[in-house]
Amino acid sequence: MAIDLTPESMANNFAVLAAQIASKAEEIKTLDREFTILSHDYKRSYGIAFLAAEYGETKHSNDVKRLMAEQATSDKDLDLSKVECNLRAVKEEMKVLRDRLEIGRSMSAIMRMEWSGQ
């Protein structure tokens, strides 16, 4: 596989990388906001479920109340975990893009040396 190392192709690659990084940054921002909202909603729902177990007809131990609250909020916990997983994946994609950018910068420096005849 031949790599095109002309100044124009390298500039185009940097422009594409910059656009991809900007897009991932927006995606991270959106997922982080969603994660924060879902986290707050989960914690609130868990607290309500825990207190409902405490003030129900039968008094329960803290372990039983915790398990009842976990069961009552398991769907919200799953939704939160899905968003957290997506957020981690997009952050990893951002790291890969930044690594590609650093590789491109290194290649660019080498090519500039070659083009200048050093």
Protein backbone atom coordinates (compact mmCIF):
# COMPACT_ATOMS: atom_id res chain seq x y z
CA MET A 1 0.00 0.00 0.00
CA ALA A 2 1.58 3.26 -1.14
CA ILE A 3 1.10 6.31 1.02
CA ASP A 4 0.73 9.65 -0.72
CA LEU A 5 3.12 12.01 1.07
CA THR A 6 2.67 15.14 -0.99
CA PRO A 7 2.13 18.41 0.88
CA GLU A 8 -1.41 18.60 -0.49
CA SER A 9 -2.35 15.07 0.62
CA MET A 10 -0.84 15.62 4.05
CA ALA A 11 -2.75 18.90 4.45
CA ASN A 12 -5.95 17.12 3.38
CA ASN A 13 -5.32 14.33 5.90
CA PHE A 14 -4.80 16.88 8.67
CA ALA A 15 -8.04 18.64 7.68
CA VAL A 16 -9.94 15.34 7.76
CA LEU A 17 -8.45 14.47 11.15
CA ALA A 18 -9.36 17.89 12.53
CA ALA A 19 -12.96 17.44 11.39
CA GLN A 20 -13.12 13.94 12.88
CA ILE A 21 -11.69 15.18 16.21
CA ALA A 22 -14.24 18.02 16.30
CA SER A 23 -17.05 15.55 15.59
CA LYS A 24 -15.89 13.18 18.35
CA ALA A 25 -15.60 16.09 20.78
CA GLU A 26 -19.26 16.95 20.10
CA GLU A 27 -20.23 13.30 20.50
CA ILE A 28 -18.40 13.14 23.84
CA LYS A 29 -20.12 16.32 24.98
CA THR A 30 -23.55 14.89 24.08
CA LEU A 31 -22.88 11.51 25.71
CA ASP A 32 -21.43 13.14 28.82
CA ARG A 33 -24.56 15.29 29.18
CA GLU A 34 -26.77 12.22 28.69
CA PHE A 35 -24.71 10.25 31.22
CA THR A 36 -24.99 13.04 33.80
CA ILE A 37 -28.77 13.28 33.42
CA LEU A 38 -29.27 9.50 33.53
CA SER A 39 -26.94 9.20 36.54
CA HIS A 40 -28.93 11.80 38.45
CA ASP A 41 -32.22 10.15 37.49
CA TYR A 42 -30.93 6.71 38.53
CA LYS A 43 -29.70 7.95 41.92
CA ARG A 44 -32.98 9.73 42.59
CA SER A 45 -35.02 6.69 41.56
CA TYR A 46 -32.84 4.39 43.66
CA GLY A 47 -33.30 6.62 46.70
CA ILE A 48 -37.06 6.67 46.22
CA ALA A 49 -37.16 2.87 45.85
CA PHE A 50 -34.95 2.40 48.91
CA LEU A 51 -37.14 4.66 51.02
CA ALA A 52 -40.29 2.95 49.72
CA ALA A 53 -38.88 -0.35 50.96
CA GLU A 54 -38.17 1.24 54.36
CA TYR A 55 -41.61 2.77 54.81
CA GLY A 56 -43.67 -0.02 53.29
CA GLU A 57 -45.97 -2.26 55.30
CA THR A 58 -43.09 -4.50 56.37
CA LYS A 59 -39.80 -3.30 57.81
CA HIS A 60 -36.81 -4.73 55.97
CA SER A 61 -33.09 -4.96 56.69
CA ASN A 62 -30.80 -2.60 54.79
CA ASP A 63 -29.62 -5.49 52.60
CA VAL A 64 -33.18 -6.33 51.60
CA LYS A 65 -33.99 -2.64 51.00
CA ARG A 66 -30.86 -2.29 48.85
CA LEU A 67 -31.79 -5.35 46.80
CA MET A 68 -35.36 -4.15 46.39
CA ALA A 69 -34.14 -0.74 45.26
CA GLU A 70 -31.66 -2.32 42.82
CA GLN A 71 -34.40 -4.49 41.35
CA ALA A 72 -36.79 -1.56 41.05
CA THR A 73 -34.21 0.58 39.24
CA SER A 74 -32.43 -2.09 37.17
CA ASP A 75 -33.71 -0.70 33.85
CA LYS A 76 -32.36 2.76 34.67
CA ASP A 77 -29.07 1.22 35.78
CA LEU A 78 -28.81 -0.65 32.46
CA ASP A 79 -29.55 2.54 30.49
CA LEU A 80 -26.86 4.33 32.48
CA SER A 81 -24.36 1.53 31.84
CA LYS A 82 -25.06 1.62 28.10
CA VAL A 83 -24.39 5.36 27.90
CA GLU A 84 -21.27 4.97 30.03
CA CYS A 85 -20.02 2.22 27.69
CA ASN A 86 -20.69 4.39 24.63
CA LEU A 87 -18.93 7.33 26.27
CA ARG A 88 -15.83 5.21 26.98
CA ALA A 89 -15.83 3.91 23.39
CA VAL A 90 -16.04 7.40 21.90
CA LYS A 91 -13.29 8.65 24.22
CA GLU A 92 -11.12 5.75 23.01
CA GLU A 93 -11.91 6.68 19.40
CA MET A 94 -10.79 10.23 20.23
CA LYS A 95 -7.49 8.87 21.58
CA VAL A 96 -6.97 6.94 18.34
CA LEU A 97 -7.61 10.08 16.30
CA ARG A 98 -5.15 12.05 18.41
CA ASP A 99 -2.56 9.28 17.96
CA ARG A 100 -3.10 9.48 14.20
CA LEU A 101 -2.62 13.23 14.40
CA GLU A 102 0.69 12.80 16.24
CA ILE A 103 1.86 10.25 13.68
CA GLY A 104 0.93 12.69 10.93
CA ARG A 105 2.85 15.48 12.63
CA SER A 106 5.92 13.27 12.90
CA MET A 107 5.65 12.25 9.26
CA SER A 108 5.17 15.87 8.27
CA ALA A 109 8.35 16.91 10.07
CA ILE A 110 10.30 14.13 8.35
CA MET A 111 8.88 15.08 4.96
CA ARG A 112 9.74 18.76 5.47
CA MET A 113 13.34 17.72 6.16
CA GLU A 114 13.40 15.65 2.98
CA TRP A 115 11.82 18.38 0.89
CA SER A 116 14.34 20.95 2.16
CA GLY A 117 17.21 18.63 1.24
CA GLN A 118 18.58 18.12 4.77
